[in-house]
Amino acid sequence: MYLIGLTGGIASGKSTVARRLVQHGAVHIDADQLARVVVGPATPGLVKIADAFGDAVLLPDGSLNRVALGAVVFRDPEALDRLNAIVHPEVRARSNALIREAEDADRNAIVVYDVPLLVEAGVDHPFDLVVVTQADEPTRVRRMVELRAMDVGEAERRIRAQASDADRHRIADVVIDTGGTLEQTLEQVDVLWDQVRGQGQQRIVRGAP
């Protein structure tokens, strides 16, 4: 198995890169999706969140009110830390299980673990490669306003609540610049795939009996 950690700031193009890798044949594990699962109705994660932030972050049916919770944590770094301390261990347990399943299904699988908060969460899976997506802040703000109907102030707050580009670059093996055209981004991903596939094939040859 070849494990890629994919990270980058909000609206930096991670989903585009992940989709292209999946088109090439990679197995995709999405930390954001896992983060939703582990705080679903009646989960231990949701109970812990309600204890930490109160019933105001719950909807009438008892499920998580993501808008209310987001309004709290993206304005208060300490609140965000409390939330992460609840969610990250739950996500890690789920991701470990899915990575093992992918390897059991195909020992030569190329797995892309899409982790927006790889730096912030201190994710320490044994990655073979860490890929960081990058776009400048004005581009990311524009995407959030146009594609997510978010106001400029909220977009800027969310960007600045995350790790800096410098923090991500320190852990990056590869940086993909998504600030240009879609075609330019996909070309970079295609080159990356060819390199990763070649490395994976070399592993198979070296490990063959």
N, C-alpha and C. Protein backbone atom coordinates (compact mmCIF):
# COMPACT_ATOMS: atom_id res chain seq x y z
N MET A 1 0.84 -1.19 0.00
CA MET A 1 0.00 0.00 0.00
C MET A 1 0.88 1.25 0.00
N TYR A 2 0.39 2.28 -0.69
CA TYR A 2 1.08 3.57 -0.72
C TYR A 2 0.09 4.60 -0.18
N LEU A 3 0.47 5.27 0.91
CA LEU A 3 -0.45 6.17 1.61
C LEU A 3 -0.05 7.62 1.38
N ILE A 4 -0.97 8.38 0.78
CA ILE A 4 -0.77 9.81 0.53
C ILE A 4 -1.62 10.61 1.51
N GLY A 5 -1.00 11.55 2.20
CA GLY A 5 -1.75 12.52 3.00
C GLY A 5 -1.98 13.76 2.16
N LEU A 6 -3.24 14.13 1.98
CA LEU A 6 -3.60 15.29 1.18
C LEU A 6 -4.19 16.35 2.09
N THR A 7 -3.60 17.55 2.10
CA THR A 7 -4.09 18.60 2.97
C THR A 7 -3.98 19.95 2.28
N GLY A 8 -4.52 20.96 2.93
CA GLY A 8 -4.52 22.32 2.40
C GLY A 8 -5.60 23.11 3.10
N GLY A 9 -5.52 24.42 3.00
CA GLY A 9 -6.51 25.26 3.65
C GLY A 9 -7.88 25.17 3.01
N ILE A 10 -8.87 25.71 3.69
CA ILE A 10 -10.23 25.72 3.17
C ILE A 10 -10.25 26.42 1.81
N ALA A 11 -10.96 25.81 0.85
CA ALA A 11 -11.11 26.34 -0.51
C ALA A 11 -9.79 26.41 -1.27
N SER A 12 -8.87 25.52 -0.93
CA SER A 12 -7.58 25.52 -1.62
C SER A 12 -7.50 24.48 -2.74
N GLY A 13 -8.60 23.78 -3.01
CA GLY A 13 -8.62 22.85 -4.13
C GLY A 13 -8.39 21.40 -3.80
N LYS A 14 -8.49 21.02 -2.53
CA LYS A 14 -8.27 19.62 -2.15
C LYS A 14 -9.22 18.67 -2.85
N SER A 15 -10.49 19.06 -2.91
CA SER A 15 -11.49 18.16 -3.50
C SER A 15 -11.21 17.90 -4.97
N THR A 16 -10.76 18.94 -5.69
CA THR A 16 -10.43 18.77 -7.10
C THR A 16 -9.27 17.80 -7.27
N VAL A 17 -8.26 17.95 -6.44
CA VAL A 17 -7.11 17.05 -6.50
C VAL A 17 -7.51 15.62 -6.14
N ALA A 18 -8.30 15.48 -5.08
CA ALA A 18 -8.74 14.14 -4.65
C ALA A 18 -9.55 13.45 -5.74
N ARG A 19 -10.48 14.19 -6.37
CA ARG A 19 -11.30 13.59 -7.42
C ARG A 19 -10.44 13.08 -8.58
N ARG A 20 -9.42 13.86 -8.93
CA ARG A 20 -8.56 13.44 -10.04
C ARG A 20 -7.79 12.18 -9.68
N LEU A 21 -7.30 12.10 -8.46
CA LEU A 21 -6.57 10.92 -8.03
C LEU A 21 -7.48 9.69 -8.02
N VAL A 22 -8.72 9.87 -7.61
CA VAL A 22 -9.68 8.76 -7.62
C VAL A 22 -9.95 8.32 -9.05
N GLN A 23 -10.06 9.27 -9.98
CA GLN A 23 -10.24 8.92 -11.39
C GLN A 23 -9.10 8.05 -11.90
N HIS A 24 -7.92 8.28 -11.36
CA HIS A 24 -6.76 7.48 -11.76
C HIS A 24 -6.74 6.11 -11.09
N GLY A 25 -7.53 5.92 -10.03
CA GLY A 25 -7.59 4.62 -9.38
C GLY A 25 -7.28 4.61 -7.91
N ALA A 26 -7.07 5.76 -7.31
CA ALA A 26 -6.76 5.80 -5.88
C ALA A 26 -8.00 5.52 -5.03
N VAL A 27 -7.77 5.02 -3.83
CA VAL A 27 -8.82 4.86 -2.83
C VAL A 27 -8.86 6.15 -2.01
N HIS A 28 -10.04 6.75 -1.87
CA HIS A 28 -10.16 8.05 -1.20
C HIS A 28 -10.80 7.88 0.17
N ILE A 29 -10.14 8.41 1.19
CA ILE A 29 -10.70 8.49 2.54
C ILE A 29 -10.80 9.96 2.90
N ASP A 30 -11.98 10.41 3.26
CA ASP A 30 -12.26 11.83 3.49
C ASP A 30 -12.44 12.09 4.98
N ALA A 31 -11.49 12.81 5.56
CA ALA A 31 -11.56 13.08 7.00
C ALA A 31 -12.77 13.93 7.35
N ASP A 32 -13.17 14.86 6.47
CA ASP A 32 -14.35 15.67 6.74
C ASP A 32 -15.60 14.81 6.84
N GLN A 33 -15.70 13.83 5.95
CA GLN A 33 -16.86 12.92 6.00
C GLN A 33 -16.84 12.11 7.30
N LEU A 34 -15.65 11.63 7.67
CA LEU A 34 -15.54 10.88 8.92
C LEU A 34 -15.90 11.76 10.11
N ALA A 35 -15.52 13.04 10.05
CA ALA A 35 -15.83 13.96 11.14
C ALA A 35 -17.33 14.15 11.30
N ARG A 36 -18.07 14.06 10.19
CA ARG A 36 -19.53 14.14 10.29
C ARG A 36 -20.12 12.86 10.88
N VAL A 37 -19.55 11.73 10.46
CA VAL A 37 -20.05 10.44 10.94
C VAL A 37 -19.89 10.31 12.45
N VAL A 38 -18.73 10.72 12.96
CA VAL A 38 -18.44 10.48 14.39
C VAL A 38 -19.20 11.41 15.32
N VAL A 39 -19.91 12.41 14.76
CA VAL A 39 -20.76 13.26 15.59
C VAL A 39 -22.22 13.16 15.14
N GLY A 40 -22.54 12.04 14.53
CA GLY A 40 -23.92 11.80 14.12
C GLY A 40 -24.82 11.55 15.32
N PRO A 41 -26.12 11.43 15.08
CA PRO A 41 -27.08 11.22 16.17
C PRO A 41 -26.71 10.03 17.05
N ALA A 42 -26.79 10.23 18.33
CA ALA A 42 -26.60 9.18 19.34
C ALA A 42 -25.16 8.68 19.43
N THR A 43 -24.21 9.39 18.84
CA THR A 43 -22.81 8.96 18.94
C THR A 43 -22.17 9.54 20.20
N PRO A 44 -21.15 8.86 20.72
CA PRO A 44 -20.42 9.42 21.86
C PRO A 44 -19.84 10.80 21.55
N GLY A 45 -19.42 11.00 20.31
CA GLY A 45 -18.86 12.30 19.94
C GLY A 45 -19.86 13.42 20.09
N LEU A 46 -21.10 13.19 19.68
CA LEU A 46 -22.13 14.22 19.79
C LEU A 46 -22.46 14.52 21.25
N VAL A 47 -22.50 13.49 22.07
CA VAL A 47 -22.76 13.69 23.49
C VAL A 47 -21.68 14.58 24.11
N LYS A 48 -20.43 14.33 23.75
CA LYS A 48 -19.32 15.13 24.28
C LYS A 48 -19.41 16.58 23.82
N ILE A 49 -19.83 16.79 22.56
CA ILE A 49 -19.96 18.16 22.05
C ILE A 49 -21.06 18.91 22.80
N ALA A 50 -22.19 18.24 23.02
CA ALA A 50 -23.28 18.89 23.75
C ALA A 50 -22.86 19.23 25.18
N ASP A 51 -22.08 18.35 25.80
CA ASP A 51 -21.58 18.62 27.15
C ASP A 51 -20.65 19.83 27.15
N ALA A 52 -19.83 19.94 26.09
CA ALA A 52 -18.82 21.01 26.05
C ALA A 52 -19.40 22.36 25.65
N PHE A 53 -20.42 22.37 24.76
CA PHE A 53 -20.89 23.63 24.18
C PHE A 53 -22.35 23.94 24.49
N GLY A 54 -23.06 23.00 25.10
CA GLY A 54 -24.44 23.26 25.48
C GLY A 54 -25.44 22.89 24.40
N ASP A 55 -26.71 22.90 24.78
CA ASP A 55 -27.78 22.49 23.87
C ASP A 55 -27.98 23.46 22.71
N ALA A 56 -27.38 24.63 22.78
CA ALA A 56 -27.53 25.61 21.71
C ALA A 56 -26.92 25.12 20.40
N VAL A 57 -26.04 24.14 20.47
CA VAL A 57 -25.44 23.62 19.24
C VAL A 57 -26.16 22.38 18.73
N LEU A 58 -27.33 22.10 19.29
CA LEU A 58 -28.15 20.98 18.83
C LEU A 58 -29.42 21.50 18.16
N LEU A 59 -29.88 20.76 17.17
CA LEU A 59 -31.16 21.05 16.53
C LEU A 59 -32.29 20.45 17.38
N PRO A 60 -33.54 20.83 17.11
CA PRO A 60 -34.65 20.29 17.90
C PRO A 60 -34.73 18.77 17.91
N ASP A 61 -34.26 18.13 16.82
CA ASP A 61 -34.33 16.66 16.77
C ASP A 61 -33.14 16.00 17.47
N GLY A 62 -32.26 16.82 18.08
CA GLY A 62 -31.13 16.28 18.81
C GLY A 62 -29.86 16.11 18.00
N SER A 63 -29.92 16.37 16.70
CA SER A 63 -28.73 16.28 15.87
C SER A 63 -27.91 17.56 15.98
N LEU A 64 -26.71 17.52 15.42
CA LEU A 64 -25.79 18.65 15.55
C LEU A 64 -26.21 19.82 14.66
N ASN A 65 -26.24 21.00 15.24
CA ASN A 65 -26.50 22.23 14.48
C ASN A 65 -25.12 22.76 14.06
N ARG A 66 -24.71 22.42 12.85
CA ARG A 66 -23.36 22.75 12.40
C ARG A 66 -23.16 24.25 12.24
N VAL A 67 -24.21 24.95 11.84
CA VAL A 67 -24.10 26.39 11.67
C VAL A 67 -23.84 27.06 13.02
N ALA A 68 -24.60 26.65 14.03
CA ALA A 68 -24.43 27.24 15.36
C ALA A 68 -23.06 26.91 15.93
N LEU A 69 -22.62 25.67 15.75
CA LEU A 69 -21.32 25.28 16.28
C LEU A 69 -20.20 26.02 15.55
N GLY A 70 -20.32 26.12 14.23
CA GLY A 70 -19.31 26.83 13.45
C GLY A 70 -19.20 28.28 13.86
N ALA A 71 -20.33 28.91 14.14
CA ALA A 71 -20.32 30.32 14.56
C ALA A 71 -19.56 30.51 15.86
N VAL A 72 -19.56 29.48 16.71
CA VAL A 72 -18.84 29.55 17.98
C VAL A 72 -17.35 29.31 17.79
N VAL A 73 -17.01 28.21 17.14
CA VAL A 73 -15.60 27.78 17.15
C VAL A 73 -14.72 28.58 16.20
N PHE A 74 -15.28 29.13 15.12
CA PHE A 74 -14.43 29.88 14.20
C PHE A 74 -14.19 31.31 14.65
N ARG A 75 -14.78 31.69 15.77
CA ARG A 75 -14.52 33.01 16.35
C ARG A 75 -13.71 32.91 17.65
N ASP A 76 -13.47 31.69 18.10
CA ASP A 76 -12.84 31.50 19.41
C ASP A 76 -11.84 30.34 19.31
N PRO A 77 -10.55 30.63 19.24
CA PRO A 77 -9.55 29.57 19.10
C PRO A 77 -9.60 28.52 20.21
N GLU A 78 -9.91 28.95 21.42
CA GLU A 78 -9.99 27.98 22.52
C GLU A 78 -11.16 27.03 22.32
N ALA A 79 -12.28 27.56 21.83
CA ALA A 79 -13.43 26.70 21.56
C ALA A 79 -13.11 25.72 20.44
N LEU A 80 -12.39 26.18 19.44
CA LEU A 80 -12.00 25.29 18.34
C LEU A 80 -11.10 24.18 18.85
N ASP A 81 -10.20 24.52 19.76
CA ASP A 81 -9.33 23.50 20.35
C ASP A 81 -10.15 22.46 21.11
N ARG A 82 -11.17 22.92 21.84
CA ARG A 82 -12.01 21.97 22.59
C ARG A 82 -12.74 21.03 21.63
N LEU A 83 -13.24 21.60 20.55
CA LEU A 83 -13.95 20.76 19.57
C LEU A 83 -13.00 19.74 18.95
N ASN A 84 -11.83 20.20 18.56
CA ASN A 84 -10.86 19.30 17.92
C ASN A 84 -10.44 18.17 18.86
N ALA A 85 -10.34 18.48 20.15
CA ALA A 85 -9.95 17.45 21.12
C ALA A 85 -11.00 16.36 21.24
N ILE A 86 -12.23 16.67 20.87
CA ILE A 86 -13.31 15.68 20.88
C ILE A 86 -13.32 14.90 19.58
N VAL A 87 -13.25 15.61 18.48
CA VAL A 87 -13.48 15.00 17.17
C VAL A 87 -12.26 14.24 16.64
N HIS A 88 -11.07 14.79 16.80
CA HIS A 88 -9.88 14.20 16.17
C HIS A 88 -9.61 12.76 16.58
N PRO A 89 -9.68 12.41 17.88
CA PRO A 89 -9.43 11.01 18.23
C PRO A 89 -10.46 10.05 17.61
N GLU A 90 -11.72 10.50 17.51
CA GLU A 90 -12.74 9.66 16.91
C GLU A 90 -12.45 9.45 15.42
N VAL A 91 -12.05 10.51 14.75
CA VAL A 91 -11.75 10.41 13.32
C VAL A 91 -10.53 9.52 13.09
N ARG A 92 -9.55 9.66 13.94
CA ARG A 92 -8.34 8.84 13.77
C ARG A 92 -8.67 7.34 13.87
N ALA A 93 -9.50 6.97 14.80
CA ALA A 93 -9.87 5.56 14.95
C ALA A 93 -10.57 5.06 13.69
N ARG A 94 -11.49 5.87 13.16
CA ARG A 94 -12.21 5.47 11.94
C ARG A 94 -11.26 5.38 10.74
N SER A 95 -10.37 6.36 10.62
CA SER A 95 -9.46 6.37 9.46
C SER A 95 -8.50 5.18 9.52
N ASN A 96 -8.03 4.85 10.71
CA ASN A 96 -7.15 3.68 10.85
C ASN A 96 -7.84 2.43 10.33
N ALA A 97 -9.10 2.27 10.69
CA ALA A 97 -9.85 1.08 10.26
C ALA A 97 -10.00 1.05 8.74
N LEU A 98 -10.30 2.20 8.14
CA LEU A 98 -10.50 2.24 6.68
C LEU A 98 -9.19 2.02 5.92
N ILE A 99 -8.10 2.54 6.44
CA ILE A 99 -6.80 2.30 5.81
C ILE A 99 -6.46 0.82 5.85
N ARG A 100 -6.72 0.17 6.98
CA ARG A 100 -6.46 -1.27 7.08
C ARG A 100 -7.34 -2.05 6.11
N GLU A 101 -8.59 -1.63 5.97
CA GLU A 101 -9.49 -2.31 5.04
C GLU A 101 -8.99 -2.19 3.60
N ALA A 102 -8.51 -1.00 3.23
CA ALA A 102 -8.01 -0.80 1.86
C ALA A 102 -6.80 -1.67 1.60
N GLU A 103 -5.91 -1.77 2.58
CA GLU A 103 -4.72 -2.60 2.40
C GLU A 103 -5.08 -4.08 2.35
N ASP A 104 -6.04 -4.49 3.17
CA ASP A 104 -6.47 -5.89 3.15
C ASP A 104 -7.08 -6.26 1.81
N ALA A 105 -7.80 -5.30 1.20
CA ALA A 105 -8.45 -5.57 -0.09
C ALA A 105 -7.43 -5.61 -1.22
N ASP A 106 -6.37 -4.80 -1.13
CA ASP A 106 -5.36 -4.74 -2.19
C ASP A 106 -4.07 -4.23 -1.58
N ARG A 107 -3.10 -5.10 -1.43
CA ARG A 107 -1.86 -4.70 -0.76
C ARG A 107 -1.09 -3.66 -1.59
N ASN A 108 -1.46 -3.49 -2.87
CA ASN A 108 -0.79 -2.50 -3.72
C ASN A 108 -1.65 -1.25 -3.93
N ALA A 109 -2.66 -1.08 -3.10
CA ALA A 109 -3.55 0.08 -3.25
C ALA A 109 -2.79 1.38 -3.01
N ILE A 110 -3.21 2.42 -3.73
CA ILE A 110 -2.76 3.78 -3.47
C ILE A 110 -3.91 4.49 -2.77
N VAL A 111 -3.71 4.86 -1.53
CA VAL A 111 -4.76 5.43 -0.70
C VAL A 111 -4.49 6.91 -0.49
N VAL A 112 -5.51 7.73 -0.73
CA VAL A 112 -5.41 9.16 -0.50
C VAL A 112 -6.25 9.50 0.72
N TYR A 113 -5.58 9.92 1.79
CA TYR A 113 -6.30 10.34 2.99
C TYR A 113 -6.37 11.85 2.97
N ASP A 114 -7.55 12.37 2.71
CA ASP A 114 -7.82 13.80 2.55
C ASP A 114 -8.08 14.39 3.93
N VAL A 115 -7.10 15.14 4.45
CA VAL A 115 -7.16 15.63 5.83
C VAL A 115 -6.95 17.15 5.85
N PRO A 116 -8.02 17.94 5.82
CA PRO A 116 -7.84 19.40 5.86
C PRO A 116 -7.02 19.88 7.05
N LEU A 117 -7.18 19.23 8.20
CA LEU A 117 -6.50 19.68 9.42
C LEU A 117 -5.32 18.78 9.77
N LEU A 118 -4.61 18.32 8.77
CA LEU A 118 -3.49 17.42 9.03
C LEU A 118 -2.47 18.07 9.97
N VAL A 119 -2.18 19.35 9.76
CA VAL A 119 -1.23 20.06 10.61
C VAL A 119 -1.82 20.31 11.99
N GLU A 120 -3.03 20.87 12.01
CA GLU A 120 -3.64 21.26 13.28
C GLU A 120 -3.89 20.06 14.18
N ALA A 121 -4.28 18.94 13.56
CA ALA A 121 -4.63 17.75 14.35
C ALA A 121 -3.41 16.91 14.70
N GLY A 122 -2.25 17.26 14.16
CA GLY A 122 -1.06 16.46 14.42
C GLY A 122 -1.21 15.03 13.93
N VAL A 123 -1.87 14.86 12.77
CA VAL A 123 -2.10 13.51 12.24
C VAL A 123 -0.76 12.88 11.91
N ASP A 124 -0.52 11.69 12.43
CA ASP A 124 0.79 11.07 12.27
C ASP A 124 0.70 9.67 11.67
N HIS A 125 -0.25 9.48 10.75
CA HIS A 125 -0.26 8.22 10.00
C HIS A 125 1.08 8.08 9.28
N PRO A 126 1.51 6.86 9.00
CA PRO A 126 2.81 6.67 8.32
C PRO A 126 2.70 6.98 6.82
N PHE A 127 2.55 8.26 6.51
CA PHE A 127 2.38 8.66 5.11
C PHE A 127 3.65 8.41 4.31
N ASP A 128 3.47 7.94 3.09
CA ASP A 128 4.59 7.84 2.17
C ASP A 128 4.85 9.17 1.49
N LEU A 129 3.81 10.00 1.40
CA LEU A 129 3.93 11.28 0.72
C LEU A 129 2.87 12.22 1.29
N VAL A 130 3.24 13.48 1.53
CA VAL A 130 2.27 14.49 1.96
C VAL A 130 2.16 15.53 0.85
N VAL A 131 0.93 15.71 0.36
CA VAL A 131 0.64 16.65 -0.72
C VAL A 131 -0.17 17.81 -0.15
N VAL A 132 0.26 19.03 -0.44
CA VAL A 132 -0.41 20.24 0.04
C VAL A 132 -0.95 21.01 -1.16
N THR A 133 -2.24 21.36 -1.11
CA THR A 133 -2.82 22.23 -2.13
C THR A 133 -2.71 23.67 -1.66
N GLN A 134 -2.46 24.56 -2.62
CA GLN A 134 -2.22 25.95 -2.27
C GLN A 134 -2.87 26.90 -3.26
N ALA A 135 -3.51 27.94 -2.72
CA ALA A 135 -3.99 29.08 -3.50
C ALA A 135 -3.90 30.29 -2.58
N ASP A 136 -3.71 31.47 -3.15
CA ASP A 136 -3.56 32.65 -2.29
C ASP A 136 -4.89 32.99 -1.61
N GLU A 137 -4.81 33.77 -0.54
CA GLU A 137 -6.01 34.05 0.26
C GLU A 137 -7.12 34.74 -0.54
N PRO A 138 -6.85 35.75 -1.36
CA PRO A 138 -7.94 36.36 -2.14
C PRO A 138 -8.67 35.36 -3.02
N THR A 139 -7.94 34.42 -3.61
CA THR A 139 -8.58 33.40 -4.45
C THR A 139 -9.47 32.51 -3.61
N ARG A 140 -9.00 32.11 -2.44
CA ARG A 140 -9.78 31.23 -1.58
C ARG A 140 -11.02 31.96 -1.06
N VAL A 141 -10.88 33.23 -0.68
CA VAL A 141 -12.03 34.00 -0.22
C VAL A 141 -13.06 34.10 -1.34
N ARG A 142 -12.61 34.39 -2.55
CA ARG A 142 -13.54 34.50 -3.68
C ARG A 142 -14.29 33.19 -3.90
N ARG A 143 -13.61 32.08 -3.81
CA ARG A 143 -14.27 30.78 -3.98
C ARG A 143 -15.33 30.56 -2.91
N MET A 144 -15.00 30.92 -1.69
CA MET A 144 -15.95 30.70 -0.59
C MET A 144 -17.18 31.59 -0.73
N VAL A 145 -16.98 32.80 -1.22
CA VAL A 145 -18.11 33.72 -1.43
C VAL A 145 -18.97 33.22 -2.59
N GLU A 146 -18.33 32.83 -3.69
CA GLU A 146 -19.07 32.46 -4.89
C GLU A 146 -19.68 31.06 -4.80
N LEU A 147 -18.95 30.13 -4.22
CA LEU A 147 -19.39 28.74 -4.24
C LEU A 147 -20.11 28.30 -2.97
N ARG A 148 -19.87 29.01 -1.86
CA ARG A 148 -20.46 28.61 -0.58
C ARG A 148 -21.37 29.69 0.00
N ALA A 149 -21.56 30.77 -0.76
CA ALA A 149 -22.44 31.86 -0.33
C ALA A 149 -22.05 32.41 1.04
N MET A 150 -20.76 32.47 1.30
CA MET A 150 -20.26 32.95 2.58
C MET A 150 -19.88 34.42 2.45
N ASP A 151 -20.08 35.21 3.49
CA ASP A 151 -19.65 36.61 3.39
C ASP A 151 -18.14 36.70 3.57
N VAL A 152 -17.57 37.79 3.09
CA VAL A 152 -16.12 37.94 3.05
C VAL A 152 -15.51 37.83 4.44
N GLY A 153 -16.11 38.49 5.43
CA GLY A 153 -15.57 38.47 6.78
C GLY A 153 -15.50 37.07 7.35
N GLU A 154 -16.57 36.30 7.16
CA GLU A 154 -16.59 34.93 7.68
C GLU A 154 -15.57 34.07 6.96
N ALA A 155 -15.44 34.26 5.65
CA ALA A 155 -14.45 33.51 4.88
C ALA A 155 -13.05 33.77 5.39
N GLU A 156 -12.74 35.03 5.62
CA GLU A 156 -11.40 35.38 6.12
C GLU A 156 -11.16 34.81 7.51
N ARG A 157 -12.18 34.84 8.37
CA ARG A 157 -12.02 34.28 9.72
C ARG A 157 -11.73 32.79 9.66
N ARG A 158 -12.42 32.08 8.78
CA ARG A 158 -12.22 30.63 8.71
C ARG A 158 -10.82 30.30 8.19
N ILE A 159 -10.37 31.06 7.21
CA ILE A 159 -9.02 30.83 6.69
C ILE A 159 -7.99 31.04 7.79
N ARG A 160 -8.14 32.12 8.55
CA ARG A 160 -7.13 32.48 9.54
C ARG A 160 -7.22 31.64 10.81
N ALA A 161 -8.32 30.90 10.96
CA ALA A 161 -8.43 29.98 12.09
C ALA A 161 -7.65 28.69 11.85
N GLN A 162 -7.23 28.48 10.60
CA GLN A 162 -6.49 27.26 10.26
C GLN A 162 -4.99 27.53 10.28
N ALA A 163 -4.22 26.47 10.06
CA ALA A 163 -2.76 26.59 9.99
C ALA A 163 -2.38 27.51 8.84
N SER A 164 -1.20 28.10 8.93
CA SER A 164 -0.71 28.98 7.88
C SER A 164 -0.11 28.16 6.74
N ASP A 165 0.06 28.81 5.58
CA ASP A 165 0.72 28.15 4.47
C ASP A 165 2.12 27.70 4.86
N ALA A 166 2.82 28.54 5.63
CA ALA A 166 4.18 28.18 6.05
C ALA A 166 4.18 26.90 6.89
N ASP A 167 3.18 26.74 7.76
CA ASP A 167 3.07 25.52 8.57
C ASP A 167 2.88 24.30 7.69
N ARG A 168 2.05 24.44 6.68
CA ARG A 168 1.78 23.31 5.78
C ARG A 168 3.01 22.98 4.93
N HIS A 169 3.68 24.02 4.46
CA HIS A 169 4.85 23.78 3.61
C HIS A 169 5.94 23.02 4.35
N ARG A 170 5.99 23.19 5.67
CA ARG A 170 7.03 22.50 6.44
C ARG A 170 6.85 20.98 6.41
N ILE A 171 5.63 20.52 6.21
CA ILE A 171 5.40 19.07 6.20
C ILE A 171 5.20 18.54 4.79
N ALA A 172 5.21 19.41 3.78
CA ALA A 172 4.87 19.01 2.42
C ALA A 172 6.03 18.32 1.71
N ASP A 173 5.70 17.25 1.01
CA ASP A 173 6.63 16.67 0.04
C ASP A 173 6.37 17.24 -1.35
N VAL A 174 5.10 17.54 -1.61
CA VAL A 174 4.68 18.10 -2.90
C VAL A 174 3.67 19.19 -2.64
N VAL A 175 3.80 20.32 -3.34
CA VAL A 175 2.82 21.41 -3.27
C VAL A 175 2.18 21.56 -4.65
N ILE A 176 0.85 21.50 -4.69
CA ILE A 176 0.11 21.69 -5.94
C ILE A 176 -0.55 23.06 -5.90
N ASP A 177 -0.19 23.89 -6.85
CA ASP A 177 -0.73 25.25 -6.95
C ASP A 177 -2.06 25.19 -7.70
N THR A 178 -3.15 25.50 -7.01
CA THR A 178 -4.48 25.45 -7.62
C THR A 178 -5.00 26.84 -7.98
N GLY A 179 -4.12 27.83 -7.95
CA GLY A 179 -4.57 29.19 -8.20
C GLY A 179 -4.76 29.52 -9.66
N GLY A 180 -4.31 28.64 -10.56
CA GLY A 180 -4.46 28.88 -11.99
C GLY A 180 -5.75 28.26 -12.52
N THR A 181 -5.70 27.80 -13.75
CA THR A 181 -6.88 27.19 -14.36
C THR A 181 -7.05 25.76 -13.85
N LEU A 182 -8.25 25.22 -14.07
CA LEU A 182 -8.51 23.83 -13.70
C LEU A 182 -7.56 22.91 -14.45
N GLU A 183 -7.34 23.19 -15.70
CA GLU A 183 -6.46 22.35 -16.51
C GLU A 183 -5.05 22.32 -15.95
N GLN A 184 -4.57 23.47 -15.48
CA GLN A 184 -3.23 23.53 -14.89
C GLN A 184 -3.14 22.71 -13.61
N THR A 185 -4.20 22.76 -12.82
CA THR A 185 -4.23 21.96 -11.59
C THR A 185 -4.21 20.48 -11.93
N LEU A 186 -5.05 20.06 -12.87
CA LEU A 186 -5.14 18.64 -13.22
C LEU A 186 -3.84 18.13 -13.82
N GLU A 187 -3.15 18.96 -14.57
CA GLU A 187 -1.86 18.55 -15.13
C GLU A 187 -0.87 18.23 -14.02
N GLN A 188 -0.87 19.03 -12.97
CA GLN A 188 0.02 18.77 -11.84
C GLN A 188 -0.33 17.46 -11.15
N VAL A 189 -1.64 17.20 -11.02
CA VAL A 189 -2.08 15.96 -10.37
C VAL A 189 -1.70 14.75 -11.22
N ASP A 190 -1.83 14.88 -12.54
CA ASP A 190 -1.48 13.77 -13.42
C ASP A 190 0.00 13.43 -13.32
N VAL A 191 0.85 14.46 -13.25
CA VAL A 191 2.29 14.22 -13.08
C VAL A 191 2.54 13.52 -11.74
N LEU A 192 1.88 13.99 -10.70
CA LEU A 192 2.03 13.37 -9.38
C LEU A 192 1.64 11.90 -9.43
N TRP A 193 0.52 11.60 -10.06
CA TRP A 193 0.04 10.21 -10.13
C TRP A 193 1.07 9.31 -10.81
N ASP A 194 1.61 9.77 -11.91
CA ASP A 194 2.61 8.97 -12.62
C ASP A 194 3.81 8.69 -11.73
N GLN A 195 4.22 9.69 -10.95
CA GLN A 195 5.37 9.50 -10.06
C GLN A 195 5.04 8.51 -8.95
N VAL A 196 3.86 8.67 -8.36
CA VAL A 196 3.46 7.78 -7.26
C VAL A 196 3.30 6.35 -7.76
N ARG A 197 2.67 6.19 -8.90
CA ARG A 197 2.48 4.84 -9.44
C ARG A 197 3.82 4.18 -9.72
N GLY A 198 4.78 4.96 -10.23
CA GLY A 198 6.10 4.41 -10.48
C GLY A 198 6.78 3.98 -9.19
N GLN A 199 6.63 4.78 -8.14
CA GLN A 199 7.23 4.41 -6.85
C GLN A 199 6.57 3.15 -6.30
N GLY A 200 5.25 3.06 -6.47
CA GLY A 200 4.54 1.87 -6.00
C GLY A 200 4.98 0.62 -6.72
N GLN A 201 5.20 0.73 -8.02
CA GLN A 201 5.64 -0.42 -8.79
C GLN A 201 7.04 -0.86 -8.39
N GLN A 202 7.90 0.12 -8.08
CA GLN A 202 9.24 -0.22 -7.62
C GLN A 202 9.18 -0.99 -6.30
N ARG A 203 8.24 -0.60 -5.44
CA ARG A 203 8.08 -1.30 -4.16
C ARG A 203 7.70 -2.76 -4.41
N ILE A 204 6.78 -2.97 -5.36
CA ILE A 204 6.31 -4.33 -5.64
C ILE A 204 7.47 -5.19 -6.12
N VAL A 205 8.31 -4.63 -7.02
CA VAL A 205 9.44 -5.37 -7.53
C VAL A 205 10.42 -5.71 -6.41
N ARG A 206 10.71 -4.72 -5.56
CA ARG A 206 11.66 -4.95 -4.47
C ARG A 206 11.13 -5.98 -3.47
N GLY A 207 9.79 -5.94 -3.28
CA GLY A 207 9.21 -6.84 -2.28
C GLY A 207 8.84 -8.20 -2.82
N ALA A 208 9.01 -8.41 -4.13
CA ALA A 208 8.60 -9.67 -4.72
C ALA A 208 9.56 -10.78 -4.27
N PRO A 209 9.02 -11.98 -4.08
CA PRO A 209 9.88 -13.10 -3.66
C PRO A 209 10.81 -13.54 -4.77
